[in-house]
Structures are given as structure tokens and as C-alpha cells.
PDB file of all heavy atoms in Angstrom:
ATOM      1  N   PHE A   1       3.936 -11.800   6.396  1.00  0.00           N
ATOM      2  CA  PHE A   1       4.147 -10.599   7.201  1.00  0.00           C
ATOM      3  C   PHE A   1       2.976 -10.558   8.223  1.00  0.00           C
ATOM      4  O   PHE A   1       1.824 -10.429   7.847  1.00  0.00           O
ATOM      5  CB  PHE A   1       4.118  -9.347   6.324  1.00  0.00           C
ATOM      6  CG  PHE A   1       5.269  -9.257   5.371  1.00  0.00           C
ATOM      7  CD1 PHE A   1       5.207  -9.874   4.143  1.00  0.00           C
ATOM      8  CD2 PHE A   1       6.452  -8.617   5.724  1.00  0.00           C
ATOM      9  CE1 PHE A   1       6.279  -9.821   3.264  1.00  0.00           C
ATOM     10  CE2 PHE A   1       7.534  -8.530   4.881  1.00  0.00           C
ATOM     11  CZ  PHE A   1       7.449  -9.152   3.584  1.00  0.00           C
ATOM     12  N   LEU A   2       3.315 -10.661   9.488  1.00  0.00           N
ATOM     13  CA  LEU A   2       2.325 -10.646  10.558  1.00  0.00           C
ATOM     14  C   LEU A   2       2.005  -9.214  10.973  1.00  0.00           C
ATOM     15  O   LEU A   2       2.901  -8.355  11.069  1.00  0.00           O
ATOM     16  CB  LEU A   2       2.818 -11.464  11.763  1.00  0.00           C
ATOM     17  CG  LEU A   2       3.233 -12.893  11.480  1.00  0.00           C
ATOM     18  CD1 LEU A   2       3.660 -13.594  12.756  1.00  0.00           C
ATOM     19  CD2 LEU A   2       2.112 -13.677  10.808  1.00  0.00           C
ATOM     20  N   LEU A   3       0.710  -8.957  11.224  1.00  0.00           N
ATOM     21  CA  LEU A   3       0.314  -7.563  11.409  1.00  0.00           C
ATOM     22  C   LEU A   3      -0.379  -7.282  12.757  1.00  0.00           C
ATOM     23  O   LEU A   3      -0.680  -6.147  13.087  1.00  0.00           O
ATOM     24  CB  LEU A   3      -0.679  -7.138  10.316  1.00  0.00           C
ATOM     25  CG  LEU A   3      -0.101  -7.038   8.900  1.00  0.00           C
ATOM     26  CD1 LEU A   3      -1.226  -6.741   7.908  1.00  0.00           C
ATOM     27  CD2 LEU A   3       0.988  -5.986   8.819  1.00  0.00           C
ATOM     28  N   GLU A   4      -0.631  -8.304  13.566  1.00  0.00           N
ATOM     29  CA  GLU A   4      -1.447  -8.072  14.788  1.00  0.00           C
ATOM     30  C   GLU A   4      -0.800  -7.056  15.715  1.00  0.00           C
ATOM     31  O   GLU A   4      -1.501  -6.186  16.284  1.00  0.00           O
ATOM     32  CB  GLU A   4      -1.703  -9.406  15.484  1.00  0.00           C
ATOM     33  CG  GLU A   4      -2.608 -10.309  14.722  1.00  0.00           C
ATOM     34  CD  GLU A   4      -3.197 -11.433  15.582  1.00  0.00           C
ATOM     35  OE1 GLU A   4      -3.676 -11.161  16.695  1.00  0.00           O
ATOM     36  OE2 GLU A   4      -3.174 -12.589  15.152  1.00  0.00           O
ATOM     37  N   ASP A   5       0.484  -7.113  15.898  1.00  0.00           N
ATOM     38  CA  ASP A   5       1.132  -6.121  16.765  1.00  0.00           C
ATOM     39  C   ASP A   5       1.022  -4.729  16.205  1.00  0.00           C
ATOM     40  O   ASP A   5       0.760  -3.728  16.894  1.00  0.00           O
ATOM     41  CB  ASP A   5       2.620  -6.488  16.959  1.00  0.00           C
ATOM     42  CG  ASP A   5       2.801  -7.672  17.912  1.00  0.00           C
ATOM     43  OD1 ASP A   5       1.864  -7.969  18.645  1.00  0.00           O
ATOM     44  OD2 ASP A   5       3.911  -8.273  17.908  1.00  0.00           O
ATOM     45  N   LYS A   6       1.187  -4.604  14.902  1.00  0.00           N
ATOM     46  CA  LYS A   6       1.039  -3.281  14.228  1.00  0.00           C
ATOM     47  C   LYS A   6      -0.388  -2.802  14.362  1.00  0.00           C
ATOM     48  O   LYS A   6      -0.617  -1.587  14.618  1.00  0.00           O
ATOM     49  CB  LYS A   6       1.454  -3.376  12.762  1.00  0.00           C
ATOM     50  CG  LYS A   6       2.943  -3.663  12.532  1.00  0.00           C
ATOM     51  CD  LYS A   6       3.226  -3.954  11.098  1.00  0.00           C
ATOM     52  CE  LYS A   6       3.162  -2.755  10.195  1.00  0.00           C
ATOM     53  NZ  LYS A   6       3.562  -3.038   8.826  1.00  0.00           N
ATOM     54  N   ASN A   7      -1.356  -3.661  14.232  1.00  0.00           N
ATOM     55  CA  ASN A   7      -2.732  -3.267  14.342  1.00  0.00           C
ATOM     56  C   ASN A   7      -3.011  -2.681  15.744  1.00  0.00           C
ATOM     57  O   ASN A   7      -3.689  -1.662  15.877  1.00  0.00           O
ATOM     58  CB  ASN A   7      -3.671  -4.491  14.108  1.00  0.00           C
ATOM     59  CG  ASN A   7      -3.557  -5.002  12.693  1.00  0.00           C
ATOM     60  OD1 ASN A   7      -3.147  -4.320  11.752  1.00  0.00           O
ATOM     61  ND2 ASN A   7      -3.992  -6.257  12.497  1.00  0.00           N
ATOM     62  N   ARG A   8      -2.517  -3.322  16.785  1.00  0.00           N
ATOM     63  CA  ARG A   8      -2.743  -2.841  18.137  1.00  0.00           C
ATOM     64  C   ARG A   8      -2.063  -1.495  18.376  1.00  0.00           C
ATOM     65  O   ARG A   8      -2.633  -0.620  19.062  1.00  0.00           O
ATOM     66  CB  ARG A   8      -2.203  -3.860  19.144  1.00  0.00           C
ATOM     67  CG  ARG A   8      -3.043  -5.127  19.209  1.00  0.00           C
ATOM     68  CD  ARG A   8      -2.686  -5.989  20.364  1.00  0.00           C
ATOM     69  NE  ARG A   8      -3.499  -7.258  20.284  1.00  0.00           N
ATOM     70  CZ  ARG A   8      -3.092  -8.285  19.585  1.00  0.00           C
ATOM     71  NH1 ARG A   8      -1.972  -8.277  18.919  1.00  0.00           N
ATOM     72  NH2 ARG A   8      -3.893  -9.362  19.526  1.00  0.00           N
ATOM     73  N   GLN A   9      -0.890  -1.352  17.817  1.00  0.00           N
ATOM     74  CA  GLN A   9      -0.183  -0.065  17.964  1.00  0.00           C
ATOM     75  C   GLN A   9      -0.978   1.079  17.300  1.00  0.00           C
ATOM     76  O   GLN A   9      -1.069   2.204  17.815  1.00  0.00           O
ATOM     77  CB  GLN A   9       1.221  -0.166  17.395  1.00  0.00           C
ATOM     78  CG  GLN A   9       2.168  -1.046  18.125  1.00  0.00           C
ATOM     79  CD  GLN A   9       3.514  -1.174  17.454  1.00  0.00           C
ATOM     80  OE1 GLN A   9       4.182  -0.165  17.176  1.00  0.00           O
ATOM     81  NE2 GLN A   9       3.949  -2.397  17.171  1.00  0.00           N
ATOM     82  N   ILE A  10      -1.547   0.783  16.139  1.00  0.00           N
ATOM     83  CA  ILE A  10      -2.322   1.812  15.411  1.00  0.00           C
ATOM     84  C   ILE A  10      -3.578   2.206  16.229  1.00  0.00           C
ATOM     85  O   ILE A  10      -3.881   3.365  16.390  1.00  0.00           O
ATOM     86  CB  ILE A  10      -2.694   1.271  13.978  1.00  0.00           C
ATOM     87  CG1 ILE A  10      -1.442   1.166  13.125  1.00  0.00           C
ATOM     88  CG2 ILE A  10      -3.726   2.171  13.376  1.00  0.00           C
ATOM     89  CD1 ILE A  10      -1.625   0.372  11.856  1.00  0.00           C
ATOM     90  N   VAL A  11      -4.237   1.171  16.696  1.00  0.00           N
ATOM     91  CA  VAL A  11      -5.448   1.452  17.484  1.00  0.00           C
ATOM     92  C   VAL A  11      -5.132   2.249  18.737  1.00  0.00           C
ATOM     93  O   VAL A  11      -5.841   3.185  19.098  1.00  0.00           O
ATOM     94  CB  VAL A  11      -6.168   0.108  17.848  1.00  0.00           C
ATOM     95  CG1 VAL A  11      -7.309   0.353  18.819  1.00  0.00           C
ATOM     96  CG2 VAL A  11      -6.685  -0.577  16.605  1.00  0.00           C
ATOM     97  N   ALA A  12      -4.047   1.885  19.385  1.00  0.00           N
ATOM     98  CA  ALA A  12      -3.671   2.612  20.611  1.00  0.00           C
ATOM     99  C   ALA A  12      -3.309   4.053  20.335  1.00  0.00           C
ATOM    100  O   ALA A  12      -3.468   4.929  21.186  1.00  0.00           O
ATOM    101  CB  ALA A  12      -2.473   1.906  21.265  1.00  0.00           C
ATOM    102  N   ALA A  13      -2.792   4.346  19.120  1.00  0.00           N
ATOM    103  CA  ALA A  13      -2.357   5.661  18.824  1.00  0.00           C
ATOM    104  C   ALA A  13      -3.450   6.593  18.243  1.00  0.00           C
ATOM    105  O   ALA A  13      -3.287   7.786  18.152  1.00  0.00           O
ATOM    106  CB  ALA A  13      -1.236   5.595  17.765  1.00  0.00           C
ATOM    107  N   ILE A  14      -4.637   5.992  17.944  1.00  0.00           N
ATOM    108  CA  ILE A  14      -5.734   6.778  17.360  1.00  0.00           C
ATOM    109  C   ILE A  14      -6.975   6.594  18.243  1.00  0.00           C
ATOM    110  O   ILE A  14      -7.725   5.652  18.113  1.00  0.00           O
ATOM    111  CB  ILE A  14      -6.060   6.316  15.916  1.00  0.00           C
ATOM    112  CG1 ILE A  14      -4.797   6.416  15.038  1.00  0.00           C
ATOM    113  CG2 ILE A  14      -7.179   7.177  15.292  1.00  0.00           C
ATOM    114  CD1 ILE A  14      -5.002   5.939  13.619  1.00  0.00           C
ATOM    115  N   PRO A  15      -7.223   7.486  19.168  1.00  0.00           N
ATOM    116  CA  PRO A  15      -8.266   7.337  20.182  1.00  0.00           C
ATOM    117  C   PRO A  15      -9.686   7.394  19.587  1.00  0.00           C
ATOM    118  O   PRO A  15     -10.634   6.969  20.256  1.00  0.00           O
ATOM    119  CB  PRO A  15      -8.018   8.501  21.133  1.00  0.00           C
ATOM    120  CG  PRO A  15      -7.224   9.487  20.381  1.00  0.00           C
ATOM    121  CD  PRO A  15      -6.392   8.692  19.417  1.00  0.00           C
ATOM    122  N   SER A  16      -9.848   7.898  18.374  1.00  0.00           N
ATOM    123  CA  SER A  16     -11.162   7.975  17.791  1.00  0.00           C
ATOM    124  C   SER A  16     -11.751   6.629  17.407  1.00  0.00           C
ATOM    125  O   SER A  16     -12.954   6.473  17.218  1.00  0.00           O
ATOM    126  CB  SER A  16     -11.139   8.860  16.545  1.00  0.00           C
ATOM    127  OG  SER A  16     -10.278   8.297  15.550  1.00  0.00           O
ATOM    128  N   ILE A  17     -10.905   5.581  17.293  1.00  0.00           N
ATOM    129  CA  ILE A  17     -11.346   4.252  16.879  1.00  0.00           C
ATOM    130  C   ILE A  17     -12.114   3.594  18.004  1.00  0.00           C
ATOM    131  O   ILE A  17     -11.620   3.359  19.100  1.00  0.00           O
ATOM    132  CB  ILE A  17     -10.157   3.375  16.452  1.00  0.00           C
ATOM    133  CG1 ILE A  17      -9.427   3.974  15.229  1.00  0.00           C
ATOM    134  CG2 ILE A  17     -10.649   1.947  16.155  1.00  0.00           C
ATOM    135  CD1 ILE A  17      -8.164   3.247  14.824  1.00  0.00           C
ATOM    136  N   VAL A  18     -13.405   3.317  17.733  1.00  0.00           N
ATOM    137  CA  VAL A  18     -14.279   2.684  18.754  1.00  0.00           C
ATOM    138  C   VAL A  18     -14.379   1.178  18.549  1.00  0.00           C
ATOM    139  O   VAL A  18     -14.772   0.477  19.513  1.00  0.00           O
ATOM    140  CB  VAL A  18     -15.689   3.302  18.748  1.00  0.00           C
ATOM    141  CG1 VAL A  18     -15.593   4.799  19.037  1.00  0.00           C
ATOM    142  CG2 VAL A  18     -16.392   3.068  17.439  1.00  0.00           C
ATOM    143  N   ASN A  19     -14.088   0.646  17.391  1.00  0.00           N
ATOM    144  CA  ASN A  19     -14.117  -0.785  17.165  1.00  0.00           C
ATOM    145  C   ASN A  19     -13.227  -1.113  15.998  1.00  0.00           C
ATOM    146  O   ASN A  19     -13.074  -0.314  15.033  1.00  0.00           O
ATOM    147  CB  ASN A  19     -15.523  -1.277  16.881  1.00  0.00           C
ATOM    148  CG  ASN A  19     -15.731  -2.736  17.237  1.00  0.00           C
ATOM    149  OD1 ASN A  19     -14.756  -3.518  17.301  1.00  0.00           O
ATOM    150  ND2 ASN A  19     -16.958  -3.146  17.488  1.00  0.00           N
ATOM    151  N   THR A  20     -12.573  -2.286  16.051  1.00  0.00           N
ATOM    152  CA  THR A  20     -11.658  -2.747  15.063  1.00  0.00           C
ATOM    153  C   THR A  20     -12.077  -4.131  14.586  1.00  0.00           C
ATOM    154  O   THR A  20     -12.246  -5.039  15.438  1.00  0.00           O
ATOM    155  CB  THR A  20     -10.202  -2.803  15.569  1.00  0.00           C
ATOM    156  OG1 THR A  20      -9.827  -1.467  15.971  1.00  0.00           O
ATOM    157  CG2 THR A  20      -9.297  -3.311  14.507  1.00  0.00           C
ATOM    158  N   CYS A  21     -12.225  -4.295  13.280  1.00  0.00           N
ATOM    159  CA  CYS A  21     -12.554  -5.607  12.751  1.00  0.00           C
ATOM    160  C   CYS A  21     -11.272  -6.166  12.099  1.00  0.00           C
ATOM    161  O   CYS A  21     -10.705  -5.557  11.168  1.00  0.00           O
ATOM    162  CB  CYS A  21     -13.650  -5.504  11.697  1.00  0.00           C
ATOM    163  SG  CYS A  21     -13.934  -7.039  10.779  1.00  0.00           S
ATOM    164  N   GLN A  22     -10.833  -7.340  12.585  1.00  0.00           N
ATOM    165  CA  GLN A  22      -9.652  -7.962  12.027  1.00  0.00           C
ATOM    166  C   GLN A  22     -10.070  -9.172  11.229  1.00  0.00           C
ATOM    167  O   GLN A  22     -10.814 -10.051  11.658  1.00  0.00           O
ATOM    168  CB  GLN A  22      -8.677  -8.365  13.097  1.00  0.00           C
ATOM    169  CG  GLN A  22      -7.430  -9.021  12.553  1.00  0.00           C
ATOM    170  CD  GLN A  22      -6.367  -9.225  13.649  1.00  0.00           C
ATOM    171  OE1 GLN A  22      -5.597  -8.344  13.913  1.00  0.00           O
ATOM    172  NE2 GLN A  22      -6.285 -10.456  14.184  1.00  0.00           N
ATOM    173  N   ILE A  23      -9.553  -9.247   9.978  1.00  0.00           N
ATOM    174  CA  ILE A  23      -9.806 -10.388   9.069  1.00  0.00           C
ATOM    175  C   ILE A  23      -8.671 -11.401   9.281  1.00  0.00           C
ATOM    176  O   ILE A  23      -7.491 -11.037   9.212  1.00  0.00           O
ATOM    177  CB  ILE A  23      -9.870  -9.921   7.623  1.00  0.00           C
ATOM    178  CG1 ILE A  23     -10.993  -8.921   7.455  1.00  0.00           C
ATOM    179  CG2 ILE A  23     -10.020 -11.089   6.668  1.00  0.00           C
ATOM    180  CD1 ILE A  23     -10.856  -8.006   6.229  1.00  0.00           C
ATOM    181  N   GLU A  24      -9.030 -12.631   9.523  1.00  0.00           N
ATOM    182  CA  GLU A  24      -7.987 -13.691   9.703  1.00  0.00           C
ATOM    183  C   GLU A  24      -7.593 -14.187   8.318  1.00  0.00           C
ATOM    184  O   GLU A  24      -7.971 -15.289   7.868  1.00  0.00           O
ATOM    185  CB  GLU A  24      -8.561 -14.804  10.537  1.00  0.00           C
ATOM    186  CG  GLU A  24      -8.972 -14.357  11.951  1.00  0.00           C
ATOM    187  CD  GLU A  24      -7.817 -13.779  12.778  1.00  0.00           C
ATOM    188  OE1 GLU A  24      -6.759 -14.430  12.899  1.00  0.00           O
ATOM    189  OE2 GLU A  24      -7.965 -12.626  13.242  1.00  0.00           O
ATOM    190  N   TYR A  25      -6.788 -13.381   7.618  1.00  0.00           N
ATOM    191  CA  TYR A  25      -6.424 -13.684   6.264  1.00  0.00           C
ATOM    192  C   TYR A  25      -5.277 -14.628   6.171  1.00  0.00           C
ATOM    193  O   TYR A  25      -5.168 -15.453   5.227  1.00  0.00           O
ATOM    194  CB  TYR A  25      -6.072 -12.372   5.573  1.00  0.00           C
ATOM    195  CG  TYR A  25      -5.641 -12.460   4.103  1.00  0.00           C
ATOM    196  CD1 TYR A  25      -6.357 -13.262   3.227  1.00  0.00           C
ATOM    197  CD2 TYR A  25      -4.525 -11.776   3.642  1.00  0.00           C
ATOM    198  CE1 TYR A  25      -5.976 -13.329   1.867  1.00  0.00           C
ATOM    199  CE2 TYR A  25      -4.167 -11.839   2.309  1.00  0.00           C
ATOM    200  CZ  TYR A  25      -4.875 -12.623   1.420  1.00  0.00           C
ATOM    201  OH  TYR A  25      -4.474 -12.685   0.115  1.00  0.00           O
ATOM    202  N   LEU A  26      -4.371 -14.628   7.139  1.00  0.00           N
ATOM    203  CA  LEU A  26      -3.158 -15.468   7.102  1.00  0.00           C
ATOM    204  C   LEU A  26      -3.212 -16.461   8.262  1.00  0.00           C
ATOM    205  O   LEU A  26      -3.504 -16.108   9.381  1.00  0.00           O
ATOM    206  CB  LEU A  26      -1.944 -14.539   7.259  1.00  0.00           C
ATOM    207  CG  LEU A  26      -0.572 -15.125   6.945  1.00  0.00           C
ATOM    208  CD1 LEU A  26      -0.479 -15.437   5.453  1.00  0.00           C
ATOM    209  CD2 LEU A  26       0.517 -14.146   7.320  1.00  0.00           C
ATOM    210  N   SER A  27      -2.988 -17.731   7.923  1.00  0.00           N
ATOM    211  CA  SER A  27      -2.929 -18.737   8.975  1.00  0.00           C
ATOM    212  C   SER A  27      -1.635 -18.551   9.752  1.00  0.00           C
ATOM    213  O   SER A  27      -0.546 -18.610   9.205  1.00  0.00           O
ATOM    214  CB  SER A  27      -2.928 -20.134   8.326  1.00  0.00           C
ATOM    215  OG  SER A  27      -4.163 -20.357   7.653  1.00  0.00           O
ATOM    216  N   THR A  28      -1.775 -18.307  11.077  1.00  0.00           N
ATOM    217  CA  THR A  28      -0.576 -18.047  11.884  1.00  0.00           C
ATOM    218  C   THR A  28      -0.596 -18.917  13.107  1.00  0.00           C
ATOM    219  O   THR A  28      -1.636 -19.421  13.538  1.00  0.00           O
ATOM    220  CB  THR A  28      -0.560 -16.572  12.341  1.00  0.00           C
ATOM    221  OG1 THR A  28      -1.599 -16.348  13.313  1.00  0.00           O
ATOM    222  CG2 THR A  28      -0.757 -15.597  11.167  1.00  0.00           C
ATOM    223  N   GLN A  29       0.578 -19.024  13.715  1.00  0.00           N
ATOM    224  CA  GLN A  29       0.715 -19.782  14.968  1.00  0.00           C
ATOM    225  C   GLN A  29       0.895 -18.840  16.142  1.00  0.00           C
ATOM    226  O   GLN A  29       1.341 -19.229  17.208  1.00  0.00           O
ATOM    227  CB  GLN A  29       1.946 -20.698  14.832  1.00  0.00           C
ATOM    228  CG  GLN A  29       1.855 -21.698  13.683  1.00  0.00           C
ATOM    229  CD  GLN A  29       0.665 -22.608  13.776  1.00  0.00           C
ATOM    230  OE1 GLN A  29       0.351 -23.102  14.897  1.00  0.00           O
ATOM    231  NE2 GLN A  29      -0.025 -22.827  12.669  1.00  0.00           N
ATOM    232  N   ALA A  30       0.630 -17.543  15.896  1.00  0.00           N
ATOM    233  CA  ALA A  30       0.874 -16.561  16.963  1.00  0.00           C
ATOM    234  C   ALA A  30      -0.026 -16.836  18.141  1.00  0.00           C
ATOM    235  O   ALA A  30      -1.187 -17.153  18.035  1.00  0.00           O
ATOM    236  CB  ALA A  30       0.626 -15.138  16.427  1.00  0.00           C
ATOM    237  N   VAL A  31       0.562 -16.727  19.311  1.00  0.00           N
ATOM    238  CA  VAL A  31      -0.157 -16.915  20.556  1.00  0.00           C
ATOM    239  C   VAL A  31      -0.554 -15.554  21.138  1.00  0.00           C
ATOM    240  O   VAL A  31       0.310 -14.733  21.421  1.00  0.00           O
ATOM    241  CB  VAL A  31       0.691 -17.699  21.585  1.00  0.00           C
ATOM    242  CG1 VAL A  31      -0.109 -17.841  22.887  1.00  0.00           C
ATOM    243  CG2 VAL A  31       1.060 -19.057  21.025  1.00  0.00           C
ATOM    244  N   VAL A  32      -1.861 -15.326  21.263  1.00  0.00           N
ATOM    245  CA  VAL A  32      -2.354 -14.033  21.753  1.00  0.00           C
ATOM    246  C   VAL A  32      -3.223 -14.312  22.942  1.00  0.00           C
ATOM    247  O   VAL A  32      -4.149 -15.125  22.864  1.00  0.00           O
ATOM    248  CB  VAL A  32      -3.127 -13.306  20.639  1.00  0.00           C
ATOM    249  CG1 VAL A  32      -3.612 -11.943  21.134  1.00  0.00           C
ATOM    250  CG2 VAL A  32      -2.276 -13.144  19.400  1.00  0.00           C
ATOM    251  N   ASN A  33      -2.992 -13.647  24.064  1.00  0.00           N
ATOM    252  CA  ASN A  33      -3.809 -13.881  25.221  1.00  0.00           C
ATOM    253  C   ASN A  33      -5.213 -13.225  25.095  1.00  0.00           C
ATOM    254  O   ASN A  33      -5.397 -12.317  24.276  1.00  0.00           O
ATOM    255  CB  ASN A  33      -3.141 -13.401  26.531  1.00  0.00           C
ATOM    256  CG  ASN A  33      -2.954 -11.913  26.530  1.00  0.00           C
ATOM    257  OD1 ASN A  33      -3.889 -11.139  26.336  1.00  0.00           O
ATOM    258  ND2 ASN A  33      -1.733 -11.417  26.795  1.00  0.00           N
TER     259      ASN A  33
END
């Protein structure tokens, strides 16, 4: 289950978040610019 898109949506919806730490737990082939 890939979460990067969900993570971005959550951050965008909660303006109080000043920094987000993402753990690379799952090996993925997702291409992100």
C-alpha cells in the first residue's frame, strides 16, 4: 500500500505542520519529481 500521495494530501490539509519526516519503509518504484 503506497502512501506518498496520501501523505501530501494530509500535509496540504493541515497548515500547522511545519515539517514532515517520511520513513522509506517500503521499496517502491514510484517516480516523484
